[in-house]
């Protein structure tokens, strides 16, 4: 397919052949690449939703276990989070999954803080 190109310019082929990788972005020496702001507008709400979801689940689970035995709640919550952590943290390298991972980590930390405060307050 022939395309008309303005005089003095070169045509740019934006199609990447199958089996090859696209050329890396060229960034001048001494500068940093501009952040992709569009990713933040969708990524931060996803991370916030995941933080609320994980935080609520771990808090509800831990609170019910704390009604039975506080040490049981601490032990099982640490086992659950410790068991899921290696898999979840491996997902950080995948661009689509990094935002839910960040949210899950924040939700787990907030859940532990809330559980600690609720256990101390109820004792």
Foldseek 3Di string as FASTA:
>chain_A
DDDDDDPPDDDDDPDDDPPDDDDDDDDDPPDDDDDDVVCCVPLQVLLQVLLVVLLVVLLVQLVVVVVVPNVRSVVVLCVVCVVCVVVLVVCCVPSVSVSSSNSNVNSSVVNVVVSVVVSVVVD
